[in-house]
Amino acid sequence: MTPMNNPILQMMMSGMSPLQYLQQMAAGNPMVAQAVSLIQGKTPEQLHQIADNMAKQRGTTVEEIARQYGLPINNQTSEVNK
């Protein structure tokens, strides 16, 4: 993935918060709109559990997905859910 195709990099360069970026993407994509409605109002622990469940359905882990995108993982949250 080239840097300009990396949504995380695009979000950081635009100065938007992650939720603002997702809301902008949701305007033209019903799947993103559904994801935004799914995450609104959730605690970090709830979001981690949702991400964990989605990763398991795809046969991977949240940590592996984060590594693929070069994202740091907060190990404290991971330890709470073990």
N, C-alpha and C. Protein backbone atom coordinates (compact mmCIF):
# COMPACT_ATOMS: atom_id res chain seq x y z
N MET A 1 0.85 -1.17 0.00
CA MET A 1 0.00 0.00 0.00
C MET A 1 0.90 1.23 0.00
N THR A 2 0.70 2.08 -0.98
CA THR A 2 1.50 3.30 -1.03
C THR A 2 0.99 4.29 0.00
N PRO A 3 1.85 5.21 0.45
CA PRO A 3 1.43 6.16 1.49
C PRO A 3 0.16 6.93 1.13
N MET A 4 -0.01 7.31 -0.13
CA MET A 4 -1.18 8.10 -0.50
C MET A 4 -2.45 7.26 -0.53
N ASN A 5 -2.32 5.94 -0.57
CA ASN A 5 -3.49 5.06 -0.53
C ASN A 5 -3.77 4.58 0.88
N ASN A 6 -2.98 5.00 1.84
CA ASN A 6 -3.14 4.58 3.23
C ASN A 6 -4.16 5.50 3.90
N PRO A 7 -5.35 4.97 4.26
CA PRO A 7 -6.36 5.84 4.87
C PRO A 7 -5.93 6.47 6.18
N ILE A 8 -5.11 5.77 6.95
CA ILE A 8 -4.63 6.33 8.23
C ILE A 8 -3.77 7.56 7.96
N LEU A 9 -2.87 7.46 7.00
CA LEU A 9 -2.01 8.59 6.65
C LEU A 9 -2.84 9.74 6.11
N GLN A 10 -3.82 9.44 5.27
CA GLN A 10 -4.68 10.49 4.73
C GLN A 10 -5.43 11.21 5.86
N MET A 11 -5.91 10.46 6.83
CA MET A 11 -6.63 11.06 7.95
C MET A 11 -5.70 11.98 8.74
N MET A 12 -4.49 11.50 9.01
CA MET A 12 -3.55 12.29 9.80
C MET A 12 -3.19 13.58 9.06
N MET A 13 -3.00 13.48 7.74
CA MET A 13 -2.63 14.64 6.95
C MET A 13 -3.77 15.66 6.88
N SER A 14 -5.01 15.19 6.94
CA SER A 14 -6.16 16.10 6.83
C SER A 14 -6.45 16.82 8.15
N GLY A 15 -5.90 16.31 9.26
CA GLY A 15 -6.14 16.92 10.56
C GLY A 15 -7.46 16.52 11.20
N MET A 16 -8.13 15.53 10.61
CA MET A 16 -9.42 15.07 11.15
C MET A 16 -9.20 14.04 12.25
N SER A 17 -10.21 13.96 13.12
CA SER A 17 -10.21 12.88 14.10
C SER A 17 -10.62 11.60 13.37
N PRO A 18 -10.33 10.45 13.94
CA PRO A 18 -10.75 9.20 13.28
C PRO A 18 -12.26 9.15 13.02
N LEU A 19 -13.06 9.62 13.96
CA LEU A 19 -14.51 9.59 13.77
C LEU A 19 -14.94 10.54 12.66
N GLN A 20 -14.34 11.73 12.60
CA GLN A 20 -14.66 12.68 11.53
C GLN A 20 -14.32 12.08 10.17
N TYR A 21 -13.17 11.42 10.09
CA TYR A 21 -12.74 10.81 8.83
C TYR A 21 -13.72 9.72 8.42
N LEU A 22 -14.13 8.89 9.37
CA LEU A 22 -15.09 7.83 9.06
C LEU A 22 -16.43 8.41 8.63
N GLN A 23 -16.86 9.48 9.28
CA GLN A 23 -18.13 10.09 8.90
C GLN A 23 -18.07 10.65 7.49
N GLN A 24 -16.93 11.21 7.11
CA GLN A 24 -16.76 11.72 5.75
C GLN A 24 -16.81 10.55 4.76
N MET A 25 -16.15 9.44 5.10
CA MET A 25 -16.17 8.27 4.23
C MET A 25 -17.57 7.66 4.16
N ALA A 26 -18.32 7.75 5.26
CA ALA A 26 -19.64 7.14 5.34
C ALA A 26 -20.64 7.81 4.40
N ALA A 27 -20.38 9.06 4.06
CA ALA A 27 -21.32 9.79 3.20
C ALA A 27 -21.53 9.07 1.87
N GLY A 28 -20.52 8.38 1.36
CA GLY A 28 -20.65 7.72 0.07
C GLY A 28 -20.58 6.22 0.13
N ASN A 29 -20.56 5.64 1.33
CA ASN A 29 -20.38 4.20 1.43
C ASN A 29 -21.24 3.64 2.56
N PRO A 30 -22.29 2.90 2.21
CA PRO A 30 -23.18 2.37 3.24
C PRO A 30 -22.48 1.45 4.24
N MET A 31 -21.46 0.72 3.81
CA MET A 31 -20.75 -0.16 4.74
C MET A 31 -19.99 0.65 5.79
N VAL A 32 -19.40 1.75 5.37
CA VAL A 32 -18.70 2.62 6.32
C VAL A 32 -19.72 3.28 7.25
N ALA A 33 -20.86 3.67 6.71
CA ALA A 33 -21.91 4.27 7.55
C ALA A 33 -22.34 3.29 8.63
N GLN A 34 -22.46 2.02 8.27
CA GLN A 34 -22.83 1.01 9.26
C GLN A 34 -21.74 0.86 10.32
N ALA A 35 -20.47 0.91 9.89
CA ALA A 35 -19.36 0.80 10.84
C ALA A 35 -19.35 1.99 11.80
N VAL A 36 -19.62 3.18 11.28
CA VAL A 36 -19.65 4.38 12.13
C VAL A 36 -20.75 4.24 13.18
N SER A 37 -21.93 3.78 12.76
CA SER A 37 -23.01 3.64 13.74
C SER A 37 -22.69 2.56 14.76
N LEU A 38 -21.91 1.56 14.36
CA LEU A 38 -21.52 0.48 15.26
C LEU A 38 -20.58 0.97 16.36
N ILE A 39 -19.67 1.89 16.02
CA ILE A 39 -18.64 2.30 16.99
C ILE A 39 -19.04 3.49 17.86
N GLN A 40 -20.03 4.26 17.44
CA GLN A 40 -20.40 5.45 18.22
C GLN A 40 -20.91 5.05 19.60
N GLY A 41 -20.39 5.72 20.61
CA GLY A 41 -20.84 5.52 21.98
C GLY A 41 -20.23 4.31 22.68
N LYS A 42 -19.29 3.65 22.05
CA LYS A 42 -18.68 2.46 22.65
C LYS A 42 -17.43 2.85 23.44
N THR A 43 -17.15 2.08 24.49
CA THR A 43 -15.93 2.28 25.26
C THR A 43 -14.76 1.66 24.50
N PRO A 44 -13.53 2.02 24.83
CA PRO A 44 -12.38 1.39 24.19
C PRO A 44 -12.39 -0.13 24.35
N GLU A 45 -12.83 -0.60 25.50
CA GLU A 45 -12.87 -2.06 25.72
C GLU A 45 -13.89 -2.72 24.80
N GLN A 46 -15.05 -2.08 24.64
CA GLN A 46 -16.07 -2.62 23.74
C GLN A 46 -15.58 -2.62 22.30
N LEU A 47 -14.91 -1.54 21.90
CA LEU A 47 -14.37 -1.47 20.54
C LEU A 47 -13.32 -2.54 20.30
N HIS A 48 -12.48 -2.79 21.31
CA HIS A 48 -11.46 -3.83 21.16
C HIS A 48 -12.12 -5.19 21.01
N GLN A 49 -13.17 -5.45 21.77
CA GLN A 49 -13.87 -6.73 21.67
C GLN A 49 -14.51 -6.90 20.30
N ILE A 50 -15.11 -5.82 19.77
CA ILE A 50 -15.71 -5.87 18.43
C ILE A 50 -14.63 -6.17 17.39
N ALA A 51 -13.51 -5.46 17.49
CA ALA A 51 -12.41 -5.68 16.55
C ALA A 51 -11.86 -7.10 16.66
N ASP A 52 -11.74 -7.58 17.88
CA ASP A 52 -11.25 -8.94 18.12
C ASP A 52 -12.18 -9.97 17.46
N ASN A 53 -13.49 -9.79 17.64
CA ASN A 53 -14.46 -10.71 17.06
C ASN A 53 -14.40 -10.67 15.53
N MET A 54 -14.28 -9.47 14.96
CA MET A 54 -14.22 -9.35 13.50
C MET A 54 -12.95 -10.00 12.96
N ALA A 55 -11.85 -9.82 13.65
CA ALA A 55 -10.59 -10.43 13.21
C ALA A 55 -10.69 -11.96 13.26
N LYS A 56 -11.27 -12.49 14.34
CA LYS A 56 -11.43 -13.94 14.47
C LYS A 56 -12.28 -14.50 13.34
N GLN A 57 -13.33 -13.78 12.94
CA GLN A 57 -14.17 -14.22 11.84
C GLN A 57 -13.37 -14.31 10.53
N ARG A 58 -12.33 -13.50 10.43
CA ARG A 58 -11.50 -13.49 9.23
C ARG A 58 -10.25 -14.36 9.36
N GLY A 59 -10.15 -15.06 10.49
CA GLY A 59 -9.03 -15.97 10.70
C GLY A 59 -7.71 -15.29 11.00
N THR A 60 -7.77 -14.12 11.64
CA THR A 60 -6.55 -13.40 11.99
C THR A 60 -6.73 -12.78 13.37
N THR A 61 -5.83 -11.89 13.74
CA THR A 61 -5.92 -11.19 15.02
C THR A 61 -5.87 -9.68 14.79
N VAL A 62 -6.33 -8.94 15.78
CA VAL A 62 -6.25 -7.48 15.72
C VAL A 62 -4.79 -7.05 15.61
N GLU A 63 -3.93 -7.73 16.36
CA GLU A 63 -2.51 -7.39 16.36
C GLU A 63 -1.90 -7.58 14.96
N GLU A 64 -2.27 -8.65 14.26
CA GLU A 64 -1.75 -8.90 12.92
C GLU A 64 -2.24 -7.83 11.94
N ILE A 65 -3.48 -7.46 12.03
CA ILE A 65 -4.01 -6.41 11.16
C ILE A 65 -3.29 -5.09 11.44
N ALA A 66 -3.09 -4.78 12.71
CA ALA A 66 -2.38 -3.55 13.08
C ALA A 66 -0.96 -3.56 12.53
N ARG A 67 -0.29 -4.70 12.64
CA ARG A 67 1.08 -4.82 12.10
C ARG A 67 1.09 -4.57 10.60
N GLN A 68 0.11 -5.10 9.89
CA GLN A 68 0.04 -4.91 8.44
C GLN A 68 -0.07 -3.44 8.07
N TYR A 69 -0.76 -2.67 8.91
CA TYR A 69 -0.94 -1.24 8.64
C TYR A 69 0.05 -0.35 9.39
N GLY A 70 0.96 -0.96 10.14
CA GLY A 70 1.96 -0.19 10.87
C GLY A 70 1.38 0.59 12.03
N LEU A 71 0.32 0.06 12.64
CA LEU A 71 -0.34 0.75 13.75
C LEU A 71 0.10 0.17 15.08
N PRO A 72 0.34 1.02 16.07
CA PRO A 72 0.69 0.51 17.40
C PRO A 72 -0.55 -0.04 18.09
N ILE A 73 -0.36 -1.03 18.93
CA ILE A 73 -1.45 -1.62 19.71
C ILE A 73 -1.20 -1.31 21.17
N ASN A 74 -2.24 -0.87 21.86
CA ASN A 74 -2.17 -0.62 23.29
C ASN A 74 -2.27 -1.96 24.01
N ASN A 75 -1.18 -2.45 24.54
CA ASN A 75 -1.15 -3.77 25.18
C ASN A 75 -1.98 -3.82 26.46
N GLN A 76 -2.23 -2.68 27.11
CA GLN A 76 -3.04 -2.68 28.32
C GLN A 76 -4.45 -3.18 28.01
N THR A 77 -5.03 -2.72 26.89
CA THR A 77 -6.36 -3.17 26.53
C THR A 77 -6.36 -4.65 26.22
N SER A 78 -5.31 -5.13 25.53
CA SER A 78 -5.22 -6.54 25.20
C SER A 78 -5.12 -7.40 26.46
N GLU A 79 -4.40 -6.91 27.44
CA GLU A 79 -4.21 -7.67 28.67
C GLU A 79 -5.51 -7.74 29.47
N VAL A 80 -6.34 -6.67 29.42
CA VAL A 80 -7.59 -6.66 30.17
C VAL A 80 -8.53 -7.76 29.67
N ASN A 81 -8.51 -8.01 28.36
CA ASN A 81 -9.45 -8.96 27.76
C ASN A 81 -8.98 -10.40 27.78
N LYS A 82 -7.82 -10.69 28.32
CA LYS A 82 -7.31 -12.06 28.33
C LYS A 82 -7.79 -12.81 29.54
